[in-house]
Amino acid sequence: MIWVLLVLAVCVVAAPFILERRRKPMDGIARNEAPGDFSELGDGTTHIRQIGPVRGPVVVCVHGLTTSEYVWGDIGLDLIDAGFRVVTYDLYGRGYSDRPRGAQDEAFFVRQLTEVLEAKGHTESVILMGYSMGAAISVAFAAAHPDKVDKLILVAPAGLSDATSGLDRFARDVPLLGDWITLVFGSALRKWRYARSTETDPKRVAFAQKQLAESDYRGFLPAVLSSARHMLRKDQRPLHRSLENARVPTLAIWGEEDSVIPISALGEMTKANRSVTHHTVPGADHGLPYTHPDAVAKEVRAFLLSG
């Protein structure tokens, strides 16, 4: 009887590693249909797309925690029509980029962004636009290199509030057991949540299918958990204060019904940086880059083409 219990215990402990190894690798086969190109950076291969005119201001777009560079599709096309060059890339652990191990903290993501700019030859200052965690990465980069950022655009920016609750908070805050829960139940939990939130909206359904496909690849769930434990745990108020002192022109766009980054974060940002221009999109939740791309693009264009 004891040996049966021991075998069961070993199976339970080993389950997450078995499940993770059975997920598809991000390799040459998976990247065969990828748009854009790839650069070998310090921490691994990074998928990068640069589209638009040969000349023109450069807008570098940084996606969020569980999305990939495709989240900028409609907004990027709008910017191209307005004469901007658009650079998008997949953060490590997402999309077609590599899945390096280690803490996904501020330094990790700022290093990747720095190397993306170098790989594409952008030594001049650029316009930086980030969504959710990508906004937090953009803020960290701009605070470290204000001379390299002409303007900063933050869409549903993380870094000023923590709405994480329930099982997500437990997995984030409890090492080992949190890892086990994420690897065993993370994919199923994501499917359940998206099934509840997408309903019949075609845009949400199509986007959810792309996001859920990420969980099929090895390294995605650990990357999300690592980012939640490191990058998203940092209070960015001091960085926003430094951006005000550096006089970096900044636009923040918020979803009026966002429950992930609640609208209360707008007040926190205002306290830290009074020079930020704010715009709220009525009826939009945290998915506003793909559910309300026209409204977001309109405000982005107006901000970029002003003064």
C-alpha atoms as a PDB file:
ATOM      1  CA  MET A   1       0.000   0.000   0.000  1.00  0.00           C
ATOM      2  CA  ILE A   2       2.811   2.388   0.898  1.00  0.00           C
ATOM      3  CA  TRP A   3       4.523   1.887  -2.433  1.00  0.00           C
ATOM      4  CA  VAL A   4       1.250   2.711  -4.219  1.00  0.00           C
ATOM      5  CA  LEU A   5       1.034   5.991  -2.302  1.00  0.00           C
ATOM      6  CA  LEU A   6       4.652   6.728  -3.118  1.00  0.00           C
ATOM      7  CA  VAL A   7       4.054   6.132  -6.824  1.00  0.00           C
ATOM      8  CA  LEU A   8       0.999   8.379  -6.736  1.00  0.00           C
ATOM      9  CA  ALA A   9       2.989  11.087  -4.955  1.00  0.00           C
ATOM     10  CA  VAL A  10       5.773  10.889  -7.529  1.00  0.00           C
ATOM     11  CA  CYS A  11       3.224  11.115 -10.357  1.00  0.00           C
ATOM     12  CA  VAL A  12       1.585  14.150  -8.797  1.00  0.00           C
ATOM     13  CA  VAL A  13       4.928  15.921  -8.335  1.00  0.00           C
ATOM     14  CA  ALA A  14       6.104  15.009 -11.835  1.00  0.00           C
ATOM     15  CA  ALA A  15       2.845  15.946 -13.569  1.00  0.00           C
ATOM     16  CA  PRO A  16       3.718  19.599 -14.354  1.00  0.00           C
ATOM     17  CA  PHE A  17       7.091  18.691 -15.828  1.00  0.00           C
ATOM     18  CA  ILE A  18       5.510  15.965 -17.977  1.00  0.00           C
ATOM     19  CA  LEU A  19       2.791  18.323 -19.198  1.00  0.00           C
ATOM     20  CA  GLU A  20       5.304  21.059 -19.956  1.00  0.00           C
ATOM     21  CA  ARG A  21       7.582  18.722 -21.908  1.00  0.00           C
ATOM     22  CA  ARG A  22       4.606  17.533 -23.981  1.00  0.00           C
ATOM     23  CA  ARG A  23       3.856  21.060 -25.155  1.00  0.00           C
ATOM     24  CA  LYS A  24       5.149  22.051 -28.574  1.00  0.00           C
ATOM     25  CA  PRO A  25       8.604  23.659 -28.785  1.00  0.00           C
ATOM     26  CA  MET A  26       9.084  27.053 -30.366  1.00  0.00           C
ATOM     27  CA  ASP A  27      11.454  25.922 -33.104  1.00  0.00           C
ATOM     28  CA  GLY A  28      12.111  26.337 -36.799  1.00  0.00           C
ATOM     29  CA  ILE A  29       8.998  24.418 -37.738  1.00  0.00           C
ATOM     30  CA  ALA A  30       6.772  26.621 -35.602  1.00  0.00           C
ATOM     31  CA  ARG A  31       8.454  29.740 -37.003  1.00  0.00           C
ATOM     32  CA  ASN A  32       8.083  28.701 -40.621  1.00  0.00           C
ATOM     33  CA  GLU A  33       4.962  30.802 -41.178  1.00  0.00           C
ATOM     34  CA  ALA A  34       6.048  33.759 -39.031  1.00  0.00           C
ATOM     35  CA  PRO A  35       5.833  37.229 -40.585  1.00  0.00           C
ATOM     36  CA  GLY A  36       8.818  39.531 -40.244  1.00  0.00           C
ATOM     37  CA  ASP A  37      12.265  38.259 -39.329  1.00  0.00           C
ATOM     38  CA  PHE A  38      14.389  37.083 -36.408  1.00  0.00           C
ATOM     39  CA  SER A  39      17.383  38.508 -34.569  1.00  0.00           C
ATOM     40  CA  GLU A  40      19.756  36.677 -32.257  1.00  0.00           C
ATOM     41  CA  LEU A  41      19.844  38.839 -29.144  1.00  0.00           C
ATOM     42  CA  GLY A  42      21.636  38.404 -25.830  1.00  0.00           C
ATOM     43  CA  ASP A  43      18.982  36.217 -24.213  1.00  0.00           C
ATOM     44  CA  GLY A  44      17.775  34.397 -27.309  1.00  0.00           C
ATOM     45  CA  THR A  45      16.062  34.616 -30.674  1.00  0.00           C
ATOM     46  CA  THR A  46      13.542  37.451 -30.963  1.00  0.00           C
ATOM     47  CA  HIS A  47      10.797  37.759 -33.561  1.00  0.00           C
ATOM     48  CA  ILE A  48      10.659  41.321 -34.964  1.00  0.00           C
ATOM     49  CA  ARG A  49       8.503  42.993 -37.611  1.00  0.00           C
ATOM     50  CA  GLN A  50       9.252  46.368 -39.170  1.00  0.00           C
ATOM     51  CA  ILE A  51       6.634  47.668 -41.577  1.00  0.00           C
ATOM     52  CA  GLY A  52       5.771  50.961 -43.195  1.00  0.00           C
ATOM     53  CA  PRO A  53       7.601  53.548 -45.301  1.00  0.00           C
ATOM     54  CA  VAL A  54      11.369  53.557 -45.731  1.00  0.00           C
ATOM     55  CA  ARG A  55      11.545  56.928 -44.035  1.00  0.00           C
ATOM     56  CA  GLY A  56       9.435  58.465 -41.338  1.00  0.00           C
ATOM     57  CA  PRO A  57       9.195  58.584 -37.531  1.00  0.00           C
ATOM     58  CA  VAL A  58       9.620  55.199 -35.860  1.00  0.00           C
ATOM     59  CA  VAL A  59       6.969  53.850 -33.472  1.00  0.00           C
ATOM     60  CA  VAL A  60       8.140  50.848 -31.436  1.00  0.00           C
ATOM     61  CA  CYS A  61       5.249  48.844 -29.962  1.00  0.00           C
ATOM     62  CA  VAL A  62       5.532  46.597 -26.903  1.00  0.00           C
ATOM     63  CA  HIS A  63       2.735  44.087 -26.236  1.00  0.00           C
ATOM     64  CA  GLY A  64       1.443  42.807 -22.903  1.00  0.00           C
ATOM     65  CA  LEU A  65       1.668  39.870 -20.508  1.00  0.00           C
ATOM     66  CA  THR A  66      -0.239  37.192 -22.441  1.00  0.00           C
ATOM     67  CA  THR A  67      -0.438  38.665 -25.946  1.00  0.00           C
ATOM     68  CA  SER A  68       2.082  38.778 -28.793  1.00  0.00           C
ATOM     69  CA  GLU A  69       3.014  41.425 -31.357  1.00  0.00           C
ATOM     70  CA  TYR A  70      -0.158  40.707 -33.361  1.00  0.00           C
ATOM     71  CA  VAL A  71      -2.117  42.762 -30.810  1.00  0.00           C
ATOM     72  CA  TRP A  72      -0.927  45.876 -32.675  1.00  0.00           C
ATOM     73  CA  GLY A  73      -2.301  44.768 -36.064  1.00  0.00           C
ATOM     74  CA  ASP A  74      -5.049  47.333 -36.689  1.00  0.00           C
ATOM     75  CA  ILE A  75      -3.366  50.170 -34.818  1.00  0.00           C
ATOM     76  CA  GLY A  76      -0.100  49.539 -36.669  1.00  0.00           C
ATOM     77  CA  LEU A  77      -1.804  49.725 -40.069  1.00  0.00           C
ATOM     78  CA  ASP A  78      -3.388  53.027 -39.078  1.00  0.00           C
ATOM     79  CA  LEU A  79       0.005  54.443 -38.114  1.00  0.00           C
ATOM     80  CA  ILE A  80       1.534  53.276 -41.381  1.00  0.00           C
ATOM     81  CA  ASP A  81      -1.201  55.093 -43.295  1.00  0.00           C
ATOM     82  CA  ALA A  82      -0.240  58.220 -41.347  1.00  0.00           C
ATOM     83  CA  GLY A  83       3.396  57.903 -42.498  1.00  0.00           C
ATOM     84  CA  PHE A  84       5.009  56.199 -39.511  1.00  0.00           C
ATOM     85  CA  ARG A  85       7.363  53.237 -39.519  1.00  0.00           C
ATOM     86  CA  VAL A  86       6.141  50.605 -37.075  1.00  0.00           C
ATOM     87  CA  VAL A  87       8.307  48.094 -35.205  1.00  0.00           C
ATOM     88  CA  THR A  88       6.653  45.285 -33.267  1.00  0.00           C
ATOM     89  CA  TYR A  89       8.309  42.310 -31.595  1.00  0.00           C
ATOM     90  CA  ASP A  90       7.490  39.320 -29.411  1.00  0.00           C
ATOM     91  CA  LEU A  91       8.624  39.485 -25.816  1.00  0.00           C
ATOM     92  CA  TYR A  92      10.612  36.474 -24.649  1.00  0.00           C
ATOM     93  CA  GLY A  93       8.313  33.599 -23.781  1.00  0.00           C
ATOM     94  CA  ARG A  94       5.604  34.739 -26.181  1.00  0.00           C
ATOM     95  CA  GLY A  95       4.821  34.481 -29.863  1.00  0.00           C
ATOM     96  CA  TYR A  96       7.726  33.315 -32.001  1.00  0.00           C
ATOM     97  CA  SER A  97      10.503  34.445 -29.638  1.00  0.00           C
ATOM     98  CA  ASP A  98      12.674  32.150 -27.512  1.00  0.00           C
ATOM     99  CA  ARG A  99      11.785  31.022 -23.972  1.00  0.00           C
ATOM    100  CA  PRO A 100      14.893  31.740 -21.886  1.00  0.00           C
ATOM    101  CA  ARG A 101      14.874  30.773 -18.223  1.00  0.00           C
ATOM    102  CA  GLY A 102      15.360  33.210 -15.370  1.00  0.00           C
ATOM    103  CA  ALA A 103      13.553  36.106 -13.765  1.00  0.00           C
ATOM    104  CA  GLN A 104      11.540  38.175 -16.216  1.00  0.00           C
ATOM    105  CA  ASP A 105      12.095  41.476 -14.448  1.00  0.00           C
ATOM    106  CA  GLU A 106      12.540  45.081 -15.504  1.00  0.00           C
ATOM    107  CA  ALA A 107      16.204  44.699 -16.455  1.00  0.00           C
ATOM    108  CA  PHE A 108      15.407  41.599 -18.527  1.00  0.00           C
ATOM    109  CA  PHE A 109      12.764  43.333 -20.655  1.00  0.00           C
ATOM    110  CA  VAL A 110      14.594  46.664 -20.964  1.00  0.00           C
ATOM    111  CA  ARG A 111      17.621  44.748 -22.219  1.00  0.00           C
ATOM    112  CA  GLN A 112      15.534  43.012 -24.873  1.00  0.00           C
ATOM    113  CA  LEU A 113      14.003  46.301 -26.045  1.00  0.00           C
ATOM    114  CA  THR A 114      17.429  47.948 -26.175  1.00  0.00           C
ATOM    115  CA  GLU A 115      18.771  45.090 -28.297  1.00  0.00           C
ATOM    116  CA  VAL A 116      15.730  45.152 -30.598  1.00  0.00           C
ATOM    117  CA  LEU A 117      16.437  48.814 -31.380  1.00  0.00           C
ATOM    118  CA  GLU A 118      20.097  48.031 -32.014  1.00  0.00           C
ATOM    119  CA  ALA A 119      19.226  45.056 -34.231  1.00  0.00           C
ATOM    120  CA  LYS A 120      17.011  47.244 -36.449  1.00  0.00           C
ATOM    121  CA  GLY A 121      19.581  50.053 -36.556  1.00  0.00           C
ATOM    122  CA  HIS A 122      17.489  52.617 -34.671  1.00  0.00           C
ATOM    123  CA  THR A 123      20.161  54.670 -32.965  1.00  0.00           C
ATOM    124  CA  GLU A 124      18.026  57.815 -33.071  1.00  0.00           C
ATOM    125  CA  SER A 125      15.240  58.523 -30.582  1.00  0.00           C
ATOM    126  CA  VAL A 126      11.921  56.764 -31.226  1.00  0.00           C
ATOM    127  CA  ILE A 127       8.274  56.921 -30.258  1.00  0.00           C
ATOM    128  CA  LEU A 128       7.515  54.186 -27.744  1.00  0.00           C
ATOM    129  CA  MET A 129       4.056  52.646 -27.297  1.00  0.00           C
ATOM    130  CA  GLY A 130       3.227  49.908 -24.792  1.00  0.00           C
ATOM    131  CA  TYR A 131       0.130  47.958 -23.829  1.00  0.00           C
ATOM    132  CA  SER A 132      -0.508  46.673 -20.295  1.00  0.00           C
ATOM    133  CA  MET A 133       2.781  45.076 -19.141  1.00  0.00           C
ATOM    134  CA  GLY A 134       4.304  46.440 -22.344  1.00  0.00           C
ATOM    135  CA  ALA A 135       3.451  49.918 -21.078  1.00  0.00           C
ATOM    136  CA  ALA A 136       5.335  49.161 -17.858  1.00  0.00           C
ATOM    137  CA  ILE A 137       8.323  47.997 -19.925  1.00  0.00           C
ATOM    138  CA  SER A 138       8.101  51.177 -22.003  1.00  0.00           C
ATOM    139  CA  VAL A 139       8.028  53.331 -18.858  1.00  0.00           C
ATOM    140  CA  ALA A 140      11.093  51.527 -17.481  1.00  0.00           C
ATOM    141  CA  PHE A 141      12.976  52.022 -20.753  1.00  0.00           C
ATOM    142  CA  ALA A 142      11.994  55.689 -21.046  1.00  0.00           C
ATOM    143  CA  ALA A 143      12.977  56.388 -17.440  1.00  0.00           C
ATOM    144  CA  ALA A 144      16.387  54.781 -18.036  1.00  0.00           C
ATOM    145  CA  HIS A 145      16.889  56.407 -21.473  1.00  0.00           C
ATOM    146  CA  PRO A 146      14.753  59.566 -21.712  1.00  0.00           C
ATOM    147  CA  ASP A 147      17.006  60.894 -24.476  1.00  0.00           C
ATOM    148  CA  LYS A 148      16.011  57.931 -26.675  1.00  0.00           C
ATOM    149  CA  VAL A 149      12.240  58.486 -26.428  1.00  0.00           C
ATOM    150  CA  ASP A 150      10.570  61.310 -28.358  1.00  0.00           C
ATOM    151  CA  LYS A 151       7.088  60.507 -27.113  1.00  0.00           C
ATOM    152  CA  LEU A 152       5.582  57.821 -24.888  1.00  0.00           C
ATOM    153  CA  ILE A 153       2.157  56.212 -25.346  1.00  0.00           C
ATOM    154  CA  LEU A 154       0.724  53.958 -22.630  1.00  0.00           C
ATOM    155  CA  VAL A 155      -2.363  51.831 -23.347  1.00  0.00           C
ATOM    156  CA  ALA A 156      -4.029  50.344 -20.229  1.00  0.00           C
ATOM    157  CA  PRO A 157      -0.695  50.696 -18.409  1.00  0.00           C
ATOM    158  CA  ALA A 158       0.349  48.282 -15.668  1.00  0.00           C
ATOM    159  CA  GLY A 159       2.657  49.285 -12.841  1.00  0.00           C
ATOM    160  CA  LEU A 160       0.372  51.513 -10.771  1.00  0.00           C
ATOM    161  CA  SER A 161      -2.189  49.106  -9.319  1.00  0.00           C
ATOM    162  CA  ASP A 162      -2.571  45.437  -8.484  1.00  0.00           C
ATOM    163  CA  ALA A 163      -5.908  43.866  -9.363  1.00  0.00           C
ATOM    164  CA  THR A 164      -4.524  40.318  -9.191  1.00  0.00           C
ATOM    165  CA  SER A 165      -6.686  38.087  -7.020  1.00  0.00           C
ATOM    166  CA  GLY A 166      -7.679  34.517  -6.292  1.00  0.00           C
ATOM    167  CA  LEU A 167      -5.676  31.662  -7.762  1.00  0.00           C
ATOM    168  CA  ASP A 168      -3.504  34.001  -9.872  1.00  0.00           C
ATOM    169  CA  ARG A 169      -2.337  35.843  -6.759  1.00  0.00           C
ATOM    170  CA  PHE A 170      -1.706  32.570  -4.925  1.00  0.00           C
ATOM    171  CA  ALA A 171       0.362  31.168  -7.817  1.00  0.00           C
ATOM    172  CA  ARG A 172       2.322  34.413  -8.024  1.00  0.00           C
ATOM    173  CA  ASP A 173       3.031  34.701  -4.316  1.00  0.00           C
ATOM    174  CA  VAL A 174       3.718  31.061  -3.396  1.00  0.00           C
ATOM    175  CA  PRO A 175       6.887  29.580  -4.950  1.00  0.00           C
ATOM    176  CA  LEU A 176       6.965  25.930  -6.040  1.00  0.00           C
ATOM    177  CA  LEU A 177       3.300  25.237  -5.319  1.00  0.00           C
ATOM    178  CA  GLY A 178       2.384  28.213  -7.466  1.00  0.00           C
ATOM    179  CA  ASP A 179       4.578  26.847 -10.258  1.00  0.00           C
ATOM    180  CA  TRP A 180       2.903  23.446  -9.948  1.00  0.00           C
ATOM    181  CA  ILE A 181      -0.593  24.942 -10.142  1.00  0.00           C
ATOM    182  CA  THR A 182       0.345  27.102 -13.144  1.00  0.00           C
ATOM    183  CA  LEU A 183       1.806  24.248 -15.158  1.00  0.00           C
ATOM    184  CA  VAL A 184      -0.961  21.777 -14.361  1.00  0.00           C
ATOM    185  CA  PHE A 185      -4.021  24.007 -14.502  1.00  0.00           C
ATOM    186  CA  GLY A 186      -2.853  27.163 -16.291  1.00  0.00           C
ATOM    187  CA  SER A 187      -3.911  26.181 -19.800  1.00  0.00           C
ATOM    188  CA  ALA A 188      -7.341  24.863 -18.749  1.00  0.00           C
ATOM    189  CA  LEU A 189      -7.970  27.907 -16.586  1.00  0.00           C
ATOM    190  CA  ARG A 190      -7.180  30.250 -19.461  1.00  0.00           C
ATOM    191  CA  LYS A 191      -9.618  28.387 -21.733  1.00  0.00           C
ATOM    192  CA  TRP A 192     -12.358  28.590 -19.118  1.00  0.00           C
ATOM    193  CA  ARG A 193     -11.862  32.312 -18.619  1.00  0.00           C
ATOM    194  CA  TYR A 194     -11.855  33.121 -22.316  1.00  0.00           C
ATOM    195  CA  ALA A 195     -14.943  30.996 -22.871  1.00  0.00           C
ATOM    196  CA  ARG A 196     -16.740  33.130 -20.289  1.00  0.00           C
ATOM    197  CA  SER A 197     -15.508  36.498 -21.580  1.00  0.00           C
ATOM    198  CA  THR A 198     -15.635  36.212 -25.366  1.00  0.00           C
ATOM    199  CA  GLU A 199     -19.327  35.313 -25.736  1.00  0.00           C
ATOM    200  CA  THR A 200     -20.273  35.956 -29.388  1.00  0.00           C
ATOM    201  CA  ASP A 201     -18.178  39.018 -30.186  1.00  0.00           C
ATOM    202  CA  PRO A 202     -16.254  37.991 -33.378  1.00  0.00           C
ATOM    203  CA  LYS A 203     -13.248  40.172 -32.496  1.00  0.00           C
ATOM    204  CA  ARG A 204     -12.957  38.668 -29.025  1.00  0.00           C
ATOM    205  CA  VAL A 205     -13.437  35.107 -30.277  1.00  0.00           C
ATOM    206  CA  ALA A 206     -10.727  35.451 -32.958  1.00  0.00           C
ATOM    207  CA  PHE A 207      -8.325  37.075 -30.541  1.00  0.00           C
ATOM    208  CA  ALA A 208      -9.018  34.531 -27.815  1.00  0.00           C
ATOM    209  CA  GLN A 209      -8.157  31.711 -30.204  1.00  0.00           C
ATOM    210  CA  LYS A 210      -4.754  33.287 -30.857  1.00  0.00           C
ATOM    211  CA  GLN A 211      -4.086  33.838 -27.179  1.00  0.00           C
ATOM    212  CA  LEU A 212      -5.141  30.331 -26.181  1.00  0.00           C
ATOM    213  CA  ALA A 213      -2.840  28.853 -28.833  1.00  0.00           C
ATOM    214  CA  GLU A 214       0.095  30.367 -26.927  1.00  0.00           C
ATOM    215  CA  SER A 215      -0.513  27.934 -24.056  1.00  0.00           C
ATOM    216  CA  ASP A 216       0.192  25.027 -26.395  1.00  0.00           C
ATOM    217  CA  TYR A 217       3.857  26.018 -26.606  1.00  0.00           C
ATOM    218  CA  ARG A 218       6.510  25.088 -24.097  1.00  0.00           C
ATOM    219  CA  GLY A 219       7.728  27.960 -21.942  1.00  0.00           C
ATOM    220  CA  PHE A 220       4.722  30.268 -22.253  1.00  0.00           C
ATOM    221  CA  LEU A 221       3.085  29.573 -18.888  1.00  0.00           C
ATOM    222  CA  PRO A 222       6.379  29.788 -16.948  1.00  0.00           C
ATOM    223  CA  ALA A 223       7.122  33.091 -18.718  1.00  0.00           C
ATOM    224  CA  VAL A 224       3.766  34.569 -17.724  1.00  0.00           C
ATOM    225  CA  LEU A 225       4.240  33.471 -14.116  1.00  0.00           C
ATOM    226  CA  SER A 226       7.793  34.847 -13.979  1.00  0.00           C
ATOM    227  CA  SER A 227       6.650  38.202 -15.364  1.00  0.00           C
ATOM    228  CA  ALA A 228       3.852  38.373 -12.802  1.00  0.00           C
ATOM    229  CA  ARG A 229       6.319  37.656 -10.007  1.00  0.00           C
ATOM    230  CA  HIS A 230       8.931  40.160 -11.136  1.00  0.00           C
ATOM    231  CA  MET A 231       8.071  42.775 -13.774  1.00  0.00           C
ATOM    232  CA  LEU A 232       4.514  43.335 -12.597  1.00  0.00           C
ATOM    233  CA  ARG A 233       5.348  43.459  -8.889  1.00  0.00           C
ATOM    234  CA  LYS A 234       7.285  46.714  -9.168  1.00  0.00           C
ATOM    235  CA  ASP A 235       5.608  49.991  -8.195  1.00  0.00           C
ATOM    236  CA  GLN A 236       6.386  52.358 -11.064  1.00  0.00           C
ATOM    237  CA  ARG A 237       5.354  55.610  -9.403  1.00  0.00           C
ATOM    238  CA  PRO A 238       8.993  56.738  -8.970  1.00  0.00           C
ATOM    239  CA  LEU A 239       9.617  56.082 -12.672  1.00  0.00           C
ATOM    240  CA  HIS A 240       6.616  58.203 -13.659  1.00  0.00           C
ATOM    241  CA  ARG A 241       7.936  61.021 -11.486  1.00  0.00           C
ATOM    242  CA  SER A 242      11.291  60.813 -13.227  1.00  0.00           C
ATOM    243  CA  LEU A 243       9.559  61.005 -16.623  1.00  0.00           C
ATOM    244  CA  GLU A 244       7.835  64.210 -15.554  1.00  0.00           C
ATOM    245  CA  ASN A 245      11.205  65.647 -14.535  1.00  0.00           C
ATOM    246  CA  ALA A 246      12.690  64.522 -17.866  1.00  0.00           C
ATOM    247  CA  ARG A 247       9.746  66.147 -19.693  1.00  0.00           C
ATOM    248  CA  VAL A 248       8.968  63.127 -21.849  1.00  0.00           C
ATOM    249  CA  PRO A 249       5.629  63.848 -23.603  1.00  0.00           C
ATOM    250  CA  THR A 250       3.264  61.089 -22.518  1.00  0.00           C
ATOM    251  CA  LEU A 251      -0.233  59.948 -23.517  1.00  0.00           C
ATOM    252  CA  ALA A 252      -2.163  57.401 -21.442  1.00  0.00           C
ATOM    253  CA  ILE A 253      -5.236  55.643 -22.871  1.00  0.00           C
ATOM    254  CA  TRP A 254      -7.593  53.800 -20.537  1.00  0.00           C
ATOM    255  CA  GLY A 255     -10.523  51.430 -20.918  1.00  0.00           C
ATOM    256  CA  GLU A 256     -13.511  52.818 -19.055  1.00  0.00           C
ATOM    257  CA  GLU A 257     -14.616  49.314 -18.000  1.00  0.00           C
ATOM    258  CA  ASP A 258     -11.170  47.754 -17.524  1.00  0.00           C
ATOM    259  CA  SER A 259     -11.143  45.362 -14.546  1.00  0.00           C
ATOM    260  CA  VAL A 260      -7.523  44.256 -15.093  1.00  0.00           C
ATOM    261  CA  ILE A 261      -6.058  47.767 -14.923  1.00  0.00           C
ATOM    262  CA  PRO A 262      -8.828  49.666 -13.115  1.00  0.00           C
ATOM    263  CA  ILE A 263      -9.510  53.278 -14.017  1.00  0.00           C
ATOM    264  CA  SER A 264      -8.373  54.226 -10.501  1.00  0.00           C
ATOM    265  CA  ALA A 265      -4.812  53.800 -11.799  1.00  0.00           C
ATOM    266  CA  LEU A 266      -5.372  56.993 -13.809  1.00  0.00           C
ATOM    267  CA  GLY A 267      -5.488  58.936 -10.557  1.00  0.00           C
ATOM    268  CA  GLU A 268      -2.295  57.293  -9.343  1.00  0.00           C
ATOM    269  CA  MET A 269      -0.494  58.226 -12.547  1.00  0.00           C
ATOM    270  CA  THR A 270      -1.735  61.807 -12.295  1.00  0.00           C
ATOM    271  CA  LYS A 271      -0.288  62.073  -8.791  1.00  0.00           C
ATOM    272  CA  ALA A 272       3.087  60.828 -10.039  1.00  0.00           C
ATOM    273  CA  ASN A 273       3.202  62.762 -13.336  1.00  0.00           C
ATOM    274  CA  ARG A 274       0.864  65.710 -13.805  1.00  0.00           C
ATOM    275  CA  SER A 275       2.055  66.358 -17.350  1.00  0.00           C
ATOM    276  CA  VAL A 276       0.486  63.168 -18.800  1.00  0.00           C
ATOM    277  CA  THR A 277      -2.362  63.588 -21.296  1.00  0.00           C
ATOM    278  CA  HIS A 278      -5.169  61.134 -20.513  1.00  0.00           C
ATOM    279  CA  HIS A 279      -7.936  59.707 -22.681  1.00  0.00           C
ATOM    280  CA  THR A 280     -10.610  57.198 -21.659  1.00  0.00           C
ATOM    281  CA  VAL A 281     -12.305  54.939 -24.208  1.00  0.00           C
ATOM    282  CA  PRO A 282     -16.014  54.514 -23.321  1.00  0.00           C
ATOM    283  CA  GLY A 283     -17.241  50.933 -23.111  1.00  0.00           C
ATOM    284  CA  ALA A 284     -13.752  49.447 -23.457  1.00  0.00           C
ATOM    285  CA  ASP A 285     -12.265  46.862 -21.110  1.00  0.00           C
ATOM    286  CA  HIS A 286      -8.686  45.597 -21.019  1.00  0.00           C
ATOM    287  CA  GLY A 287      -8.871  44.363 -24.620  1.00  0.00           C
ATOM    288  CA  LEU A 288      -9.136  47.882 -26.066  1.00  0.00           C
ATOM    289  CA  PRO A 289      -6.245  47.554 -28.595  1.00  0.00           C
ATOM    290  CA  TYR A 290      -8.241  44.900 -30.487  1.00  0.00           C
ATOM    291  CA  THR A 291     -11.826  45.654 -29.442  1.00  0.00           C
ATOM    292  CA  HIS A 292     -11.565  49.439 -29.974  1.00  0.00           C
ATOM    293  CA  PRO A 293      -8.563  49.889 -32.307  1.00  0.00           C
ATOM    294  CA  ASP A 294     -10.073  52.840 -34.192  1.00  0.00           C
ATOM    295  CA  ALA A 295     -10.666  54.804 -31.002  1.00  0.00           C
ATOM    296  CA  VAL A 296      -7.149  54.067 -29.738  1.00  0.00           C
ATOM    297  CA  ALA A 297      -5.538  54.863 -33.109  1.00  0.00           C
ATOM    298  CA  LYS A 298      -7.407  58.156 -33.350  1.00  0.00           C
ATOM    299  CA  GLU A 299      -5.999  59.375 -30.032  1.00  0.00           C
ATOM    300  CA  VAL A 300      -2.517  58.079 -30.855  1.00  0.00           C
ATOM    301  CA  ARG A 301      -2.482  59.881 -34.200  1.00  0.00           C
ATOM    302  CA  ALA A 302      -3.708  63.131 -32.693  1.00  0.00           C
ATOM    303  CA  PHE A 303      -1.010  62.937 -30.005  1.00  0.00           C
ATOM    304  CA  LEU A 304       1.798  62.129 -32.436  1.00  0.00           C
ATOM    305  CA  LEU A 305       0.839  64.745 -34.984  1.00  0.00           C
ATOM    306  CA  SER A 306       0.469  67.512 -32.415  1.00  0.00           C
ATOM    307  CA  GLY A 307       3.425  69.794 -31.757  1.00  0.00           C
END
